[in-house]
Amino acid sequence: MEQQPHRFFTYIIQSKKDGSFYIGQCSDLDARLSKHNEGFSSYTAAKKPWRLVYFEAFHSRSEAIRREKLIKRQKSKTYLLQLIQNKFK
């Protein structure tokens, strides 16, 4: 029996409360979004509800973490908006 490859994700969620963004990585997008909306951390709890606006899939967690760090290093709302908008082209 062949084992399926694991999928990991880098994601961007947006607060419906104030429009701010949160960037992270995970192996289960649905479960992670639920955790954010349940208020599992003080940062995301204060700004819930959240909606998923962007994600990229990777074969390894290290690739997802690398991409997460690269996006966070941009420190630019314009960059995030361009990523999100280009997803739908």
C-alpha atoms as a PDB file:
ATOM      1  CA  MET A   1       0.000   0.000   0.000  1.00  0.00           C
ATOM      2  CA  GLU A   2       1.449   3.361  -1.060  1.00  0.00           C
ATOM      3  CA  GLN A   3       1.429   6.110   1.539  1.00  0.00           C
ATOM      4  CA  GLN A   4      -0.018   9.471   0.461  1.00  0.00           C
ATOM      5  CA  PRO A   5       2.308  12.480   0.743  1.00  0.00           C
ATOM      6  CA  HIS A   6       1.653  14.801   3.633  1.00  0.00           C
ATOM      7  CA  ARG A   7       0.442  18.247   2.744  1.00  0.00           C
ATOM      8  CA  PHE A   8       1.421  21.351   4.638  1.00  0.00           C
ATOM      9  CA  PHE A   9       0.156  24.850   4.114  1.00  0.00           C
ATOM     10  CA  THR A  10       1.194  28.449   4.524  1.00  0.00           C
ATOM     11  CA  TYR A  11      -1.916  30.538   4.978  1.00  0.00           C
ATOM     12  CA  ILE A  12      -3.180  34.067   5.417  1.00  0.00           C
ATOM     13  CA  ILE A  13      -6.359  34.779   7.332  1.00  0.00           C
ATOM     14  CA  GLN A  14      -8.102  38.108   7.625  1.00  0.00           C
ATOM     15  CA  SER A  15     -10.027  39.440  10.596  1.00  0.00           C
ATOM     16  CA  LYS A  16     -13.647  40.257   9.797  1.00  0.00           C
ATOM     17  CA  LYS A  17     -13.533  42.575  12.811  1.00  0.00           C
ATOM     18  CA  ASP A  18     -10.777  44.983  11.739  1.00  0.00           C
ATOM     19  CA  GLY A  19      -9.383  43.716   8.409  1.00  0.00           C
ATOM     20  CA  SER A  20      -5.959  42.809   9.835  1.00  0.00           C
ATOM     21  CA  PHE A  21      -4.031  39.774   8.584  1.00  0.00           C
ATOM     22  CA  TYR A  22      -2.422  36.787  10.304  1.00  0.00           C
ATOM     23  CA  ILE A  23       0.123  34.548   8.553  1.00  0.00           C
ATOM     24  CA  GLY A  24       0.814  30.999   9.673  1.00  0.00           C
ATOM     25  CA  GLN A  25       1.494  27.417   8.618  1.00  0.00           C
ATOM     26  CA  CYS A  26      -0.262  24.141   9.412  1.00  0.00           C
ATOM     27  CA  SER A  27      -1.124  20.678   8.157  1.00  0.00           C
ATOM     28  CA  ASP A  28      -4.939  21.051   8.344  1.00  0.00           C
ATOM     29  CA  LEU A  29      -6.436  24.343   7.144  1.00  0.00           C
ATOM     30  CA  ASP A  30      -9.977  23.687   8.381  1.00  0.00           C
ATOM     31  CA  ALA A  31      -8.860  22.713  11.878  1.00  0.00           C
ATOM     32  CA  ARG A  32      -6.461  25.652  12.098  1.00  0.00           C
ATOM     33  CA  LEU A  33      -9.098  28.183  11.033  1.00  0.00           C
ATOM     34  CA  SER A  34     -11.459  26.725  13.630  1.00  0.00           C
ATOM     35  CA  LYS A  35      -8.787  27.125  16.313  1.00  0.00           C
ATOM     36  CA  HIS A  36      -8.285  30.774  15.358  1.00  0.00           C
ATOM     37  CA  ASN A  37     -12.030  31.390  15.504  1.00  0.00           C
ATOM     38  CA  GLU A  38     -12.291  29.632  18.868  1.00  0.00           C
ATOM     39  CA  GLY A  39      -9.730  32.077  20.263  1.00  0.00           C
ATOM     40  CA  PHE A  40      -6.843  29.678  20.962  1.00  0.00           C
ATOM     41  CA  SER A  41      -4.411  32.592  21.319  1.00  0.00           C
ATOM     42  CA  SER A  42      -4.826  36.066  22.727  1.00  0.00           C
ATOM     43  CA  TYR A  43      -3.869  37.716  19.412  1.00  0.00           C
ATOM     44  CA  THR A  44      -6.396  35.874  17.282  1.00  0.00           C
ATOM     45  CA  ALA A  45      -9.088  35.833  19.979  1.00  0.00           C
ATOM     46  CA  ALA A  46      -9.181  39.617  20.118  1.00  0.00           C
ATOM     47  CA  LYS A  47      -9.737  39.922  16.375  1.00  0.00           C
ATOM     48  CA  LYS A  48     -12.122  37.063  15.580  1.00  0.00           C
ATOM     49  CA  PRO A  49     -13.919  36.059  13.469  1.00  0.00           C
ATOM     50  CA  TRP A  50     -11.328  35.173  10.842  1.00  0.00           C
ATOM     51  CA  ARG A  51     -11.658  34.067   7.226  1.00  0.00           C
ATOM     52  CA  LEU A  52      -9.150  32.238   5.061  1.00  0.00           C
ATOM     53  CA  VAL A  53      -8.074  34.499   2.186  1.00  0.00           C
ATOM     54  CA  TYR A  54      -4.956  32.749   0.846  1.00  0.00           C
ATOM     55  CA  PHE A  55      -2.973  29.539   1.091  1.00  0.00           C
ATOM     56  CA  GLU A  56      -0.157  27.643  -0.609  1.00  0.00           C
ATOM     57  CA  ALA A  57       0.428  23.874  -0.347  1.00  0.00           C
ATOM     58  CA  PHE A  58       3.821  22.236   0.257  1.00  0.00           C
ATOM     59  CA  HIS A  59       5.164  18.711   0.551  1.00  0.00           C
ATOM     60  CA  SER A  60       7.020  19.367   3.805  1.00  0.00           C
ATOM     61  CA  ARG A  61       6.550  21.443   6.931  1.00  0.00           C
ATOM     62  CA  SER A  62       9.993  22.988   6.454  1.00  0.00           C
ATOM     63  CA  GLU A  63       8.931  24.358   3.043  1.00  0.00           C
ATOM     64  CA  ALA A  64       5.742  25.807   4.569  1.00  0.00           C
ATOM     65  CA  ILE A  65       7.708  27.415   7.414  1.00  0.00           C
ATOM     66  CA  ARG A  66      10.228  28.856   4.969  1.00  0.00           C
ATOM     67  CA  ARG A  67       7.405  30.441   2.931  1.00  0.00           C
ATOM     68  CA  GLU A  68       5.662  31.725   6.079  1.00  0.00           C
ATOM     69  CA  LYS A  69       8.871  33.467   7.172  1.00  0.00           C
ATOM     70  CA  LEU A  70       9.417  34.957   3.722  1.00  0.00           C
ATOM     71  CA  ILE A  71       5.899  36.425   3.659  1.00  0.00           C
ATOM     72  CA  LYS A  72       6.262  37.780   7.201  1.00  0.00           C
ATOM     73  CA  ARG A  73       9.594  39.407   6.326  1.00  0.00           C
ATOM     74  CA  GLN A  74       7.866  41.529   3.681  1.00  0.00           C
ATOM     75  CA  LYS A  75       6.063  43.490   6.432  1.00  0.00           C
ATOM     76  CA  SER A  76       3.809  44.985   3.779  1.00  0.00           C
ATOM     77  CA  LYS A  77       0.027  45.041   3.586  1.00  0.00           C
ATOM     78  CA  THR A  78       0.395  45.880  -0.120  1.00  0.00           C
ATOM     79  CA  TYR A  79       2.403  42.670  -0.643  1.00  0.00           C
ATOM     80  CA  LEU A  80      -0.264  40.611   1.134  1.00  0.00           C
ATOM     81  CA  LEU A  81      -3.054  42.171  -0.910  1.00  0.00           C
ATOM     82  CA  GLN A  82      -1.145  41.443  -4.136  1.00  0.00           C
ATOM     83  CA  LEU A  83      -0.694  37.796  -3.120  1.00  0.00           C
ATOM     84  CA  ILE A  84      -4.396  37.475  -2.324  1.00  0.00           C
ATOM     85  CA  GLN A  85      -5.542  39.236  -5.506  1.00  0.00           C
ATOM     86  CA  ASN A  86      -3.196  37.244  -7.758  1.00  0.00           C
ATOM     87  CA  LYS A  87      -4.620  34.018  -6.350  1.00  0.00           C
ATOM     88  CA  PHE A  88      -7.890  34.732  -8.129  1.00  0.00           C
ATOM     89  CA  LYS A  89      -6.423  35.593 -11.561  1.00  0.00           C
END
